[in-house]
Amino acid sequence: MRGVVLLLPGGEPESRRPHLWLAEAFLWPLAGRIAGRGRRQGLAVHLLRYRYRGWNGERADPVADAWWALAEVQGRYGPVPVGLVGHSLGGRVAVHVAGDARVAGVVLLAPWLEESDPAGQLKGRAVLMIHAARDRHTDPVMSYRFAVGARRMGARIGRVELPGAGHVLLRQWWAWTALTTDFVDAALIGGRFDSMTRGAMEAAGSGGLRVHLPRRRERILRRDR
């Protein structure tokens, strides 16, 4: 096995109820797509099931679960690179554990982020952030500001906006899942990042942090392969 992709689902700010099934279901098609392509490349894909659906203040319960999962990956597969893909609350979880030496790449999908979250954990990591401009559940302005800070701290980060989508990113699903699949493949296996992602990550200053995903993105991706 050459690498592992760990998917981190969304949740709620406060709840000790069991895992949120709908949040997991949102990531199943993406997990299947990554696994289908990654199988040929030697990638394993796992979706983490939290003990509780809530972040729960200072307890940060899903962060503890993610640390457990990283240790489990180490035990099963050895010292292979890990890619984190987190949606909503899962994006916040990914940020909190991204400083682990095993983490090579991070994808943040419509992430819930706060000013206090440790952007420095992304230093030296390849990071792709995808956020809908009309998201009413997590704040795209906050994610932009967070991306600016992470870049200043040494993250190789590109941020893509979906102008017409909402929090569950239903519009342009095929396009952004293709972008995510290409990204984790490049980050973990050493392939070449898609031209748009690469340009966004390498842009100076805050450039590359408000890139709009073209509506026919899937065709552009095919040209780069």
C-alpha atoms as a PDB file:
ATOM      1  CA  MET A   1       0.000   0.000   0.000  1.00  0.00           C
ATOM      2  CA  ARG A   2       1.404   3.373  -1.049  1.00  0.00           C
ATOM      3  CA  GLY A   3      -0.972   5.706   0.763  1.00  0.00           C
ATOM      4  CA  VAL A   4      -4.234   6.086   2.665  1.00  0.00           C
ATOM      5  CA  VAL A   5      -7.060   8.586   2.219  1.00  0.00           C
ATOM      6  CA  LEU A   6      -9.028   9.291   5.393  1.00  0.00           C
ATOM      7  CA  LEU A   7     -12.423  10.949   4.924  1.00  0.00           C
ATOM      8  CA  LEU A   8     -13.800  13.001   7.798  1.00  0.00           C
ATOM      9  CA  PRO A   9     -17.563  13.698   7.727  1.00  0.00           C
ATOM     10  CA  GLY A  10     -19.487  16.653   9.061  1.00  0.00           C
ATOM     11  CA  GLY A  11     -21.403  16.896  12.310  1.00  0.00           C
ATOM     12  CA  GLU A  12     -22.848  19.392  14.755  1.00  0.00           C
ATOM     13  CA  PRO A  13     -21.335  21.999  17.111  1.00  0.00           C
ATOM     14  CA  GLU A  14     -22.769  20.337  20.233  1.00  0.00           C
ATOM     15  CA  SER A  15     -24.157  16.815  20.572  1.00  0.00           C
ATOM     16  CA  ARG A  16     -23.301  13.598  22.386  1.00  0.00           C
ATOM     17  CA  ARG A  17     -25.656  11.657  20.121  1.00  0.00           C
ATOM     18  CA  PRO A  18     -24.147   8.940  17.867  1.00  0.00           C
ATOM     19  CA  HIS A  19     -22.548   9.649  14.517  1.00  0.00           C
ATOM     20  CA  LEU A  20     -24.521  11.565  11.896  1.00  0.00           C
ATOM     21  CA  TRP A  21     -25.462   9.082   9.173  1.00  0.00           C
ATOM     22  CA  LEU A  22     -26.389  11.732   6.569  1.00  0.00           C
ATOM     23  CA  ALA A  23     -22.988  13.395   6.956  1.00  0.00           C
ATOM     24  CA  GLU A  24     -21.289  10.079   6.254  1.00  0.00           C
ATOM     25  CA  ALA A  25     -23.566   9.376   3.300  1.00  0.00           C
ATOM     26  CA  PHE A  26     -22.535  12.655   1.679  1.00  0.00           C
ATOM     27  CA  LEU A  27     -18.959  11.345   1.408  1.00  0.00           C
ATOM     28  CA  TRP A  28     -19.733   7.816   0.190  1.00  0.00           C
ATOM     29  CA  PRO A  29     -19.802   8.664  -3.538  1.00  0.00           C
ATOM     30  CA  LEU A  30     -16.549  10.613  -3.238  1.00  0.00           C
ATOM     31  CA  ALA A  31     -14.962   7.746  -1.313  1.00  0.00           C
ATOM     32  CA  GLY A  32     -16.044   5.339  -4.045  1.00  0.00           C
ATOM     33  CA  ARG A  33     -14.573   7.535  -6.743  1.00  0.00           C
ATOM     34  CA  ILE A  34     -11.235   7.914  -4.958  1.00  0.00           C
ATOM     35  CA  ALA A  35     -11.118   4.186  -4.205  1.00  0.00           C
ATOM     36  CA  GLY A  36     -11.954   3.230  -7.787  1.00  0.00           C
ATOM     37  CA  ARG A  37      -9.073   5.201  -9.169  1.00  0.00           C
ATOM     38  CA  GLY A  38      -6.722   4.725  -6.232  1.00  0.00           C
ATOM     39  CA  ARG A  39      -6.949   0.958  -6.270  1.00  0.00           C
ATOM     40  CA  ARG A  40      -4.687   0.901  -9.318  1.00  0.00           C
ATOM     41  CA  GLN A  41      -2.282   3.282  -7.616  1.00  0.00           C
ATOM     42  CA  GLY A  42      -2.093   1.442  -4.297  1.00  0.00           C
ATOM     43  CA  LEU A  43      -4.335   3.752  -2.257  1.00  0.00           C
ATOM     44  CA  ALA A  44      -6.623   2.595   0.550  1.00  0.00           C
ATOM     45  CA  VAL A  45      -9.674   4.701   1.445  1.00  0.00           C
ATOM     46  CA  HIS A  46     -11.389   4.836   4.847  1.00  0.00           C
ATOM     47  CA  LEU A  47     -14.251   6.938   6.184  1.00  0.00           C
ATOM     48  CA  LEU A  48     -14.044   7.709   9.899  1.00  0.00           C
ATOM     49  CA  ARG A  49     -17.136   7.122  12.033  1.00  0.00           C
ATOM     50  CA  TYR A  50     -17.045   9.419  15.055  1.00  0.00           C
ATOM     51  CA  ARG A  51     -18.229   8.308  18.493  1.00  0.00           C
ATOM     52  CA  TYR A  52     -20.382  11.436  18.743  1.00  0.00           C
ATOM     53  CA  ARG A  53     -21.724  13.773  16.092  1.00  0.00           C
ATOM     54  CA  GLY A  54     -20.781  16.950  18.008  1.00  0.00           C
ATOM     55  CA  TRP A  55     -17.555  18.936  18.296  1.00  0.00           C
ATOM     56  CA  ASN A  56     -18.489  19.616  21.912  1.00  0.00           C
ATOM     57  CA  GLY A  57     -16.408  22.631  22.850  1.00  0.00           C
ATOM     58  CA  GLU A  58     -13.064  22.008  24.459  1.00  0.00           C
ATOM     59  CA  ARG A  59     -13.661  18.256  24.299  1.00  0.00           C
ATOM     60  CA  ALA A  60     -13.244  18.364  20.498  1.00  0.00           C
ATOM     61  CA  ASP A  61     -14.451  14.755  20.423  1.00  0.00           C
ATOM     62  CA  PRO A  62     -13.987  14.136  16.665  1.00  0.00           C
ATOM     63  CA  VAL A  63     -10.389  15.348  16.858  1.00  0.00           C
ATOM     64  CA  ALA A  64      -9.641  12.600  19.382  1.00  0.00           C
ATOM     65  CA  ASP A  65     -11.311  10.146  16.996  1.00  0.00           C
ATOM     66  CA  ALA A  66      -9.126  11.380  14.116  1.00  0.00           C
ATOM     67  CA  TRP A  67      -5.961  10.892  16.159  1.00  0.00           C
ATOM     68  CA  TRP A  68      -7.122   7.352  16.883  1.00  0.00           C
ATOM     69  CA  ALA A  69      -7.710   6.788  13.160  1.00  0.00           C
ATOM     70  CA  LEU A  70      -4.220   8.009  12.245  1.00  0.00           C
ATOM     71  CA  ALA A  71      -2.727   5.585  14.757  1.00  0.00           C
ATOM     72  CA  GLU A  72      -4.915   2.818  13.326  1.00  0.00           C
ATOM     73  CA  VAL A  73      -3.666   3.601   9.821  1.00  0.00           C
ATOM     74  CA  GLN A  74      -0.085   3.384  11.065  1.00  0.00           C
ATOM     75  CA  GLY A  75      -0.777   0.015  12.651  1.00  0.00           C
ATOM     76  CA  ARG A  76      -2.470  -1.422   9.552  1.00  0.00           C
ATOM     77  CA  TYR A  77      -0.358  -0.013   6.748  1.00  0.00           C
ATOM     78  CA  GLY A  78       2.894   1.199   8.262  1.00  0.00           C
ATOM     79  CA  PRO A  79       4.494   4.611   7.627  1.00  0.00           C
ATOM     80  CA  VAL A  80       2.572   5.504   4.464  1.00  0.00           C
ATOM     81  CA  PRO A  81       1.496   9.049   3.544  1.00  0.00           C
ATOM     82  CA  VAL A  82      -2.040  10.027   4.510  1.00  0.00           C
ATOM     83  CA  GLY A  83      -4.447  12.353   2.762  1.00  0.00           C
ATOM     84  CA  LEU A  84      -7.232  13.972   4.789  1.00  0.00           C
ATOM     85  CA  VAL A  85     -10.539  14.920   3.129  1.00  0.00           C
ATOM     86  CA  GLY A  86     -12.901  16.705   5.500  1.00  0.00           C
ATOM     87  CA  HIS A  87     -16.352  18.171   4.884  1.00  0.00           C
ATOM     88  CA  SER A  88     -17.825  20.893   7.119  1.00  0.00           C
ATOM     89  CA  LEU A  89     -16.958  19.923  10.730  1.00  0.00           C
ATOM     90  CA  GLY A  90     -14.667  17.304   9.223  1.00  0.00           C
ATOM     91  CA  GLY A  91     -12.650  20.096   7.626  1.00  0.00           C
ATOM     92  CA  ARG A  92     -12.055  21.585  11.047  1.00  0.00           C
ATOM     93  CA  VAL A  93     -11.032  18.163  12.337  1.00  0.00           C
ATOM     94  CA  ALA A  94      -8.570  17.822   9.461  1.00  0.00           C
ATOM     95  CA  VAL A  95      -6.932  21.141  10.310  1.00  0.00           C
ATOM     96  CA  HIS A  96      -6.428  20.091  13.928  1.00  0.00           C
ATOM     97  CA  VAL A  97      -4.597  16.860  13.045  1.00  0.00           C
ATOM     98  CA  ALA A  98      -2.841  17.999   9.859  1.00  0.00           C
ATOM     99  CA  GLY A  99       0.413  18.627  11.700  1.00  0.00           C
ATOM    100  CA  ASP A 100       0.954  14.885  12.058  1.00  0.00           C
ATOM    101  CA  ALA A 101       4.062  13.804  10.142  1.00  0.00           C
ATOM    102  CA  ARG A 102       2.048  11.189   8.223  1.00  0.00           C
ATOM    103  CA  VAL A 103      -0.218  13.791   6.608  1.00  0.00           C
ATOM    104  CA  ALA A 104       0.900  14.746   3.087  1.00  0.00           C
ATOM    105  CA  GLY A 105      -2.218  16.437   1.700  1.00  0.00           C
ATOM    106  CA  VAL A 106      -5.455  17.972   2.972  1.00  0.00           C
ATOM    107  CA  VAL A 107      -8.745  18.704   1.196  1.00  0.00           C
ATOM    108  CA  LEU A 108     -11.191  20.993   3.009  1.00  0.00           C
ATOM    109  CA  LEU A 109     -14.731  20.869   1.604  1.00  0.00           C
ATOM    110  CA  ALA A 110     -17.007  23.693   2.805  1.00  0.00           C
ATOM    111  CA  PRO A 111     -15.034  23.705   6.069  1.00  0.00           C
ATOM    112  CA  TRP A 112     -16.307  25.008   9.383  1.00  0.00           C
ATOM    113  CA  LEU A 113     -13.406  27.123  10.606  1.00  0.00           C
ATOM    114  CA  GLU A 114     -12.854  29.526  13.503  1.00  0.00           C
ATOM    115  CA  GLU A 115     -10.260  32.237  14.110  1.00  0.00           C
ATOM    116  CA  SER A 116      -8.751  30.109  16.874  1.00  0.00           C
ATOM    117  CA  ASP A 117      -8.143  27.060  14.697  1.00  0.00           C
ATOM    118  CA  PRO A 118      -4.436  26.237  14.184  1.00  0.00           C
ATOM    119  CA  ALA A 119      -3.608  27.286  10.623  1.00  0.00           C
ATOM    120  CA  GLY A 120       0.035  26.557  11.398  1.00  0.00           C
ATOM    121  CA  GLN A 121      -0.774  22.825  11.357  1.00  0.00           C
ATOM    122  CA  LEU A 122      -0.961  23.098   7.569  1.00  0.00           C
ATOM    123  CA  LYS A 123       2.603  24.339   7.190  1.00  0.00           C
ATOM    124  CA  GLY A 124       4.422  22.386   4.492  1.00  0.00           C
ATOM    125  CA  ARG A 125       1.255  20.539   3.482  1.00  0.00           C
ATOM    126  CA  ALA A 126      -0.422  20.553   0.076  1.00  0.00           C
ATOM    127  CA  VAL A 127      -3.919  21.899   0.728  1.00  0.00           C
ATOM    128  CA  LEU A 128      -6.988  22.260  -1.476  1.00  0.00           C
ATOM    129  CA  MET A 129      -9.989  24.171  -0.120  1.00  0.00           C
ATOM    130  CA  ILE A 130     -13.336  24.094  -1.948  1.00  0.00           C
ATOM    131  CA  HIS A 131     -16.146  26.332  -0.717  1.00  0.00           C
ATOM    132  CA  ALA A 132     -19.482  27.451  -2.150  1.00  0.00           C
ATOM    133  CA  ALA A 133     -19.923  31.192  -2.334  1.00  0.00           C
ATOM    134  CA  ARG A 134     -23.561  30.798  -1.192  1.00  0.00           C
ATOM    135  CA  ASP A 135     -22.881  28.477   1.731  1.00  0.00           C
ATOM    136  CA  ARG A 136     -25.186  29.440   4.611  1.00  0.00           C
ATOM    137  CA  HIS A 137     -23.958  26.797   7.064  1.00  0.00           C
ATOM    138  CA  THR A 138     -20.230  27.498   7.047  1.00  0.00           C
ATOM    139  CA  ASP A 139     -18.687  30.866   6.276  1.00  0.00           C
ATOM    140  CA  PRO A 140     -16.817  31.215   2.939  1.00  0.00           C
ATOM    141  CA  VAL A 141     -15.434  34.591   4.046  1.00  0.00           C
ATOM    142  CA  MET A 142     -13.941  32.948   7.133  1.00  0.00           C
ATOM    143  CA  SER A 143     -12.464  30.141   5.046  1.00  0.00           C
ATOM    144  CA  TYR A 144     -10.847  32.707   2.736  1.00  0.00           C
ATOM    145  CA  ARG A 145      -9.313  34.553   5.679  1.00  0.00           C
ATOM    146  CA  PHE A 146      -8.138  31.254   7.121  1.00  0.00           C
ATOM    147  CA  ALA A 147      -6.567  30.302   3.789  1.00  0.00           C
ATOM    148  CA  VAL A 148      -4.707  33.624   3.666  1.00  0.00           C
ATOM    149  CA  GLY A 149      -3.324  32.970   7.155  1.00  0.00           C
ATOM    150  CA  ALA A 150      -2.394  29.379   6.349  1.00  0.00           C
ATOM    151  CA  ARG A 151      -0.503  30.495   3.258  1.00  0.00           C
ATOM    152  CA  ARG A 152       1.445  33.046   5.296  1.00  0.00           C
ATOM    153  CA  MET A 153       2.381  30.242   7.688  1.00  0.00           C
ATOM    154  CA  GLY A 154       3.812  28.084   4.923  1.00  0.00           C
ATOM    155  CA  ALA A 155       0.925  25.982   3.597  1.00  0.00           C
ATOM    156  CA  ARG A 156       0.879  25.199  -0.132  1.00  0.00           C
ATOM    157  CA  ILE A 157      -2.766  26.082  -0.406  1.00  0.00           C
ATOM    158  CA  GLY A 158      -5.156  26.748  -3.245  1.00  0.00           C
ATOM    159  CA  ARG A 159      -8.800  27.671  -2.717  1.00  0.00           C
ATOM    160  CA  VAL A 160     -11.609  27.148  -5.218  1.00  0.00           C
ATOM    161  CA  GLU A 161     -15.052  28.770  -5.067  1.00  0.00           C
ATOM    162  CA  LEU A 162     -18.278  27.332  -6.495  1.00  0.00           C
ATOM    163  CA  PRO A 163     -20.405  30.395  -7.310  1.00  0.00           C
ATOM    164  CA  GLY A 164     -23.789  28.647  -7.551  1.00  0.00           C
ATOM    165  CA  ALA A 165     -23.519  25.870  -4.969  1.00  0.00           C
ATOM    166  CA  GLY A 166     -24.590  25.500  -1.335  1.00  0.00           C
ATOM    167  CA  HIS A 167     -23.175  23.686   1.660  1.00  0.00           C
ATOM    168  CA  VAL A 168     -23.688  20.173   0.294  1.00  0.00           C
ATOM    169  CA  LEU A 169     -21.996  21.106  -2.995  1.00  0.00           C
ATOM    170  CA  LEU A 170     -24.569  19.427  -5.207  1.00  0.00           C
ATOM    171  CA  ARG A 171     -23.908  21.688  -8.174  1.00  0.00           C
ATOM    172  CA  GLN A 172     -20.807  20.788 -10.190  1.00  0.00           C
ATOM    173  CA  TRP A 173     -20.507  17.586  -8.170  1.00  0.00           C
ATOM    174  CA  TRP A 174     -18.703  15.727 -10.917  1.00  0.00           C
ATOM    175  CA  ALA A 175     -16.222  18.548 -11.406  1.00  0.00           C
ATOM    176  CA  TRP A 176     -15.161  19.128  -7.790  1.00  0.00           C
ATOM    177  CA  THR A 177     -15.008  15.410  -6.987  1.00  0.00           C
ATOM    178  CA  ALA A 178     -12.706  14.951  -9.994  1.00  0.00           C
ATOM    179  CA  LEU A 179     -10.565  17.817  -8.719  1.00  0.00           C
ATOM    180  CA  THR A 180     -10.423  16.248  -5.245  1.00  0.00           C
ATOM    181  CA  THR A 181      -9.578  12.808  -6.625  1.00  0.00           C
ATOM    182  CA  ASP A 182      -6.766  14.209  -8.751  1.00  0.00           C
ATOM    183  CA  PHE A 183      -5.454  16.174  -5.780  1.00  0.00           C
ATOM    184  CA  VAL A 184      -5.147  13.273  -3.335  1.00  0.00           C
ATOM    185  CA  ASP A 185      -3.622  11.111  -6.047  1.00  0.00           C
ATOM    186  CA  ALA A 186      -0.922  13.719  -6.698  1.00  0.00           C
ATOM    187  CA  ALA A 187      -0.312  14.494  -3.015  1.00  0.00           C
ATOM    188  CA  LEU A 188       0.099  10.860  -1.953  1.00  0.00           C
ATOM    189  CA  ILE A 189       1.527   9.109  -5.004  1.00  0.00           C
ATOM    190  CA  GLY A 190       3.659  11.947  -6.317  1.00  0.00           C
ATOM    191  CA  GLY A 191       1.748  12.582  -9.499  1.00  0.00           C
ATOM    192  CA  ARG A 192       1.269  15.952 -11.121  1.00  0.00           C
ATOM    193  CA  PHE A 193      -1.293  18.357  -9.708  1.00  0.00           C
ATOM    194  CA  ASP A 194      -3.972  19.539 -12.102  1.00  0.00           C
ATOM    195  CA  SER A 195      -2.946  22.785 -13.809  1.00  0.00           C
ATOM    196  CA  MET A 196      -5.599  24.912 -12.099  1.00  0.00           C
ATOM    197  CA  THR A 197      -4.790  23.518  -8.657  1.00  0.00           C
ATOM    198  CA  ARG A 198      -1.075  23.897  -9.227  1.00  0.00           C
ATOM    199  CA  GLY A 199      -1.488  27.497 -10.370  1.00  0.00           C
ATOM    200  CA  ALA A 200      -3.643  28.320  -7.348  1.00  0.00           C
ATOM    201  CA  MET A 201      -1.156  26.743  -4.933  1.00  0.00           C
ATOM    202  CA  GLU A 202       1.807  28.560  -6.462  1.00  0.00           C
ATOM    203  CA  ALA A 203       0.201  31.996  -6.782  1.00  0.00           C
ATOM    204  CA  ALA A 204       1.877  34.762  -4.796  1.00  0.00           C
ATOM    205  CA  GLY A 205       0.248  36.504  -1.843  1.00  0.00           C
ATOM    206  CA  SER A 206      -3.485  35.903  -1.616  1.00  0.00           C
ATOM    207  CA  GLY A 207      -3.665  34.977  -5.296  1.00  0.00           C
ATOM    208  CA  GLY A 208      -5.089  31.543  -5.985  1.00  0.00           C
ATOM    209  CA  LEU A 209      -7.450  31.728  -3.017  1.00  0.00           C
ATOM    210  CA  ARG A 210     -10.561  32.814  -4.910  1.00  0.00           C
ATOM    211  CA  VAL A 211     -10.393  30.708  -8.051  1.00  0.00           C
ATOM    212  CA  HIS A 212     -13.766  29.908  -9.648  1.00  0.00           C
ATOM    213  CA  LEU A 213     -14.285  26.350 -10.823  1.00  0.00           C
ATOM    214  CA  PRO A 214     -15.462  26.358 -14.464  1.00  0.00           C
ATOM    215  CA  ARG A 215     -18.799  24.641 -15.036  1.00  0.00           C
ATOM    216  CA  ARG A 216     -17.231  22.213 -17.501  1.00  0.00           C
ATOM    217  CA  ARG A 217     -14.288  21.456 -15.260  1.00  0.00           C
ATOM    218  CA  GLU A 218     -14.342  17.716 -15.916  1.00  0.00           C
ATOM    219  CA  ARG A 219     -13.293  18.286 -19.522  1.00  0.00           C
ATOM    220  CA  ILE A 220     -10.390  20.472 -18.465  1.00  0.00           C
ATOM    221  CA  LEU A 221      -9.221  17.771 -16.078  1.00  0.00           C
ATOM    222  CA  ARG A 222      -9.163  15.190 -18.862  1.00  0.00           C
ATOM    223  CA  ARG A 223      -6.867  17.343 -20.971  1.00  0.00           C
ATOM    224  CA  ASP A 224      -4.255  17.408 -18.193  1.00  0.00           C
ATOM    225  CA  ARG A 225      -3.963  13.646 -17.778  1.00  0.00           C
END
